Amino acid sequence: MVNISELKRFDAAEHLDTDEAIAEYLSIVLEENDPDALIHALGTIARARGMTQIAKDAGLGRESLYKALKEGASPRFDTIYRVIQALGVQLVARPITH
């Protein structure tokens, strides 16, 4: 019998090991139209890439990056934009289909 408490907790960051995987993950999250989910996803991707390096590339302190991407945070758009650029991805606009 499997003891649930002994199972390893799923961490999406462990599976975001290519640019394509990261772009696909972020695209799926963006389709949810949920700002909190986007912030969480950016944090997950940053952990996959290395928080220290992403903070440096975004021109932020590591602690500032953690604060900006923590649950319940409301980072400014320029912070989100800098993180997205540091992650090496871009946001693409397309018409909403109903």
Protein backbone atom coordinates (compact mmCIF):
# COMPACT_ATOMS: atom_id res chain seq x y z
CA MET A 1 0.00 0.00 0.00
CA VAL A 2 1.22 3.49 -0.88
CA ASN A 3 1.41 6.02 1.91
CA ILE A 4 0.40 9.40 0.46
CA SER A 5 2.63 11.29 2.88
CA GLU A 6 5.64 9.49 1.39
CA LEU A 7 4.89 10.53 -2.19
CA LYS A 8 7.04 13.24 -3.67
CA ARG A 9 5.13 16.49 -4.19
CA PHE A 10 4.74 17.43 -7.86
CA ASP A 11 6.85 20.44 -8.85
CA ALA A 12 6.26 21.77 -12.37
CA ALA A 13 9.67 23.51 -12.24
CA GLU A 14 11.34 20.11 -12.51
CA HIS A 15 9.72 19.61 -15.92
CA LEU A 16 10.41 23.04 -17.40
CA ASP A 17 13.78 22.14 -18.83
CA THR A 18 13.47 23.51 -22.38
CA ASP A 19 12.47 26.84 -23.88
CA GLU A 20 9.60 25.09 -25.64
CA ALA A 21 8.26 23.56 -22.41
CA ILE A 22 8.43 26.93 -20.69
CA ALA A 23 6.67 28.72 -23.56
CA GLU A 24 3.93 26.09 -23.70
CA TYR A 25 3.40 26.18 -19.93
CA LEU A 26 3.19 29.98 -19.92
CA SER A 27 0.80 29.97 -22.89
CA ILE A 28 -1.54 27.57 -21.11
CA VAL A 29 -1.49 29.70 -17.97
CA LEU A 30 -2.15 32.90 -19.94
CA GLU A 31 -5.26 31.30 -21.46
CA GLU A 32 -6.71 31.06 -17.94
CA ASN A 33 -6.91 34.88 -17.71
CA ASP A 34 -5.96 34.68 -14.03
CA PRO A 35 -3.33 37.21 -12.85
CA ASP A 36 -2.53 35.14 -9.75
CA ALA A 37 -1.93 32.05 -11.89
CA LEU A 38 0.40 34.09 -14.12
CA ILE A 39 2.44 35.31 -11.15
CA HIS A 40 2.63 31.76 -9.79
CA ALA A 41 3.72 30.44 -13.20
CA LEU A 42 6.43 33.09 -13.53
CA GLY A 43 7.73 32.07 -10.11
CA THR A 44 7.74 28.42 -11.13
CA ILE A 45 9.61 29.20 -14.34
CA ALA A 46 12.07 31.42 -12.47
CA ARG A 47 12.78 28.57 -10.05
CA ALA A 48 13.33 26.24 -13.02
CA ARG A 49 15.82 28.69 -14.53
CA GLY A 50 17.41 29.76 -11.24
CA MET A 51 16.03 32.61 -9.16
CA THR A 52 19.41 34.27 -8.63
CA GLN A 53 20.15 34.45 -12.35
CA ILE A 54 16.63 35.60 -13.27
CA ALA A 55 16.78 38.32 -10.61
CA LYS A 56 20.12 39.48 -11.96
CA ASP A 57 18.91 39.43 -15.59
CA ALA A 58 15.76 41.35 -14.59
CA GLY A 59 17.74 43.95 -12.67
CA LEU A 60 16.13 42.96 -9.37
CA GLY A 61 17.47 41.79 -6.06
CA ARG A 62 16.81 38.11 -5.37
CA GLU A 63 14.64 38.92 -2.36
CA SER A 64 12.69 41.46 -4.41
CA LEU A 65 12.02 38.81 -7.03
CA TYR A 66 10.78 36.36 -4.39
CA LYS A 67 8.48 39.06 -2.95
CA ALA A 68 7.13 40.03 -6.38
CA LEU A 69 6.29 36.42 -7.28
CA LYS A 70 4.97 35.15 -3.96
CA GLU A 71 1.35 34.14 -3.51
CA GLY A 72 -0.91 37.15 -3.04
CA ALA A 73 1.63 39.62 -4.47
CA SER A 74 0.56 42.36 -6.85
CA PRO A 75 3.74 43.26 -8.69
CA ARG A 76 3.85 46.25 -10.99
CA PHE A 77 3.61 45.57 -14.71
CA ASP A 78 7.18 46.73 -15.33
CA THR A 79 8.39 44.12 -12.84
CA ILE A 80 6.41 41.40 -14.62
CA TYR A 81 7.72 42.61 -17.98
CA ARG A 82 11.33 42.57 -16.78
CA VAL A 83 10.91 39.05 -15.40
CA ILE A 84 9.35 37.85 -18.65
CA GLN A 85 12.27 39.28 -20.61
CA ALA A 86 14.77 37.71 -18.20
CA LEU A 87 13.04 34.36 -18.71
CA GLY A 88 13.62 34.68 -22.44
CA VAL A 89 9.97 34.55 -23.46
CA GLN A 90 7.58 37.05 -24.96
CA LEU A 91 3.88 37.65 -24.61
CA VAL A 92 1.86 37.52 -27.81
CA ALA A 93 -1.53 39.15 -28.33
CA ARG A 94 -4.25 37.53 -30.38
CA PRO A 95 -7.97 38.13 -30.70
CA ILE A 96 -10.20 36.47 -28.12
CA THR A 97 -12.31 33.72 -29.65
CA HIS A 98 -15.62 32.84 -28.06
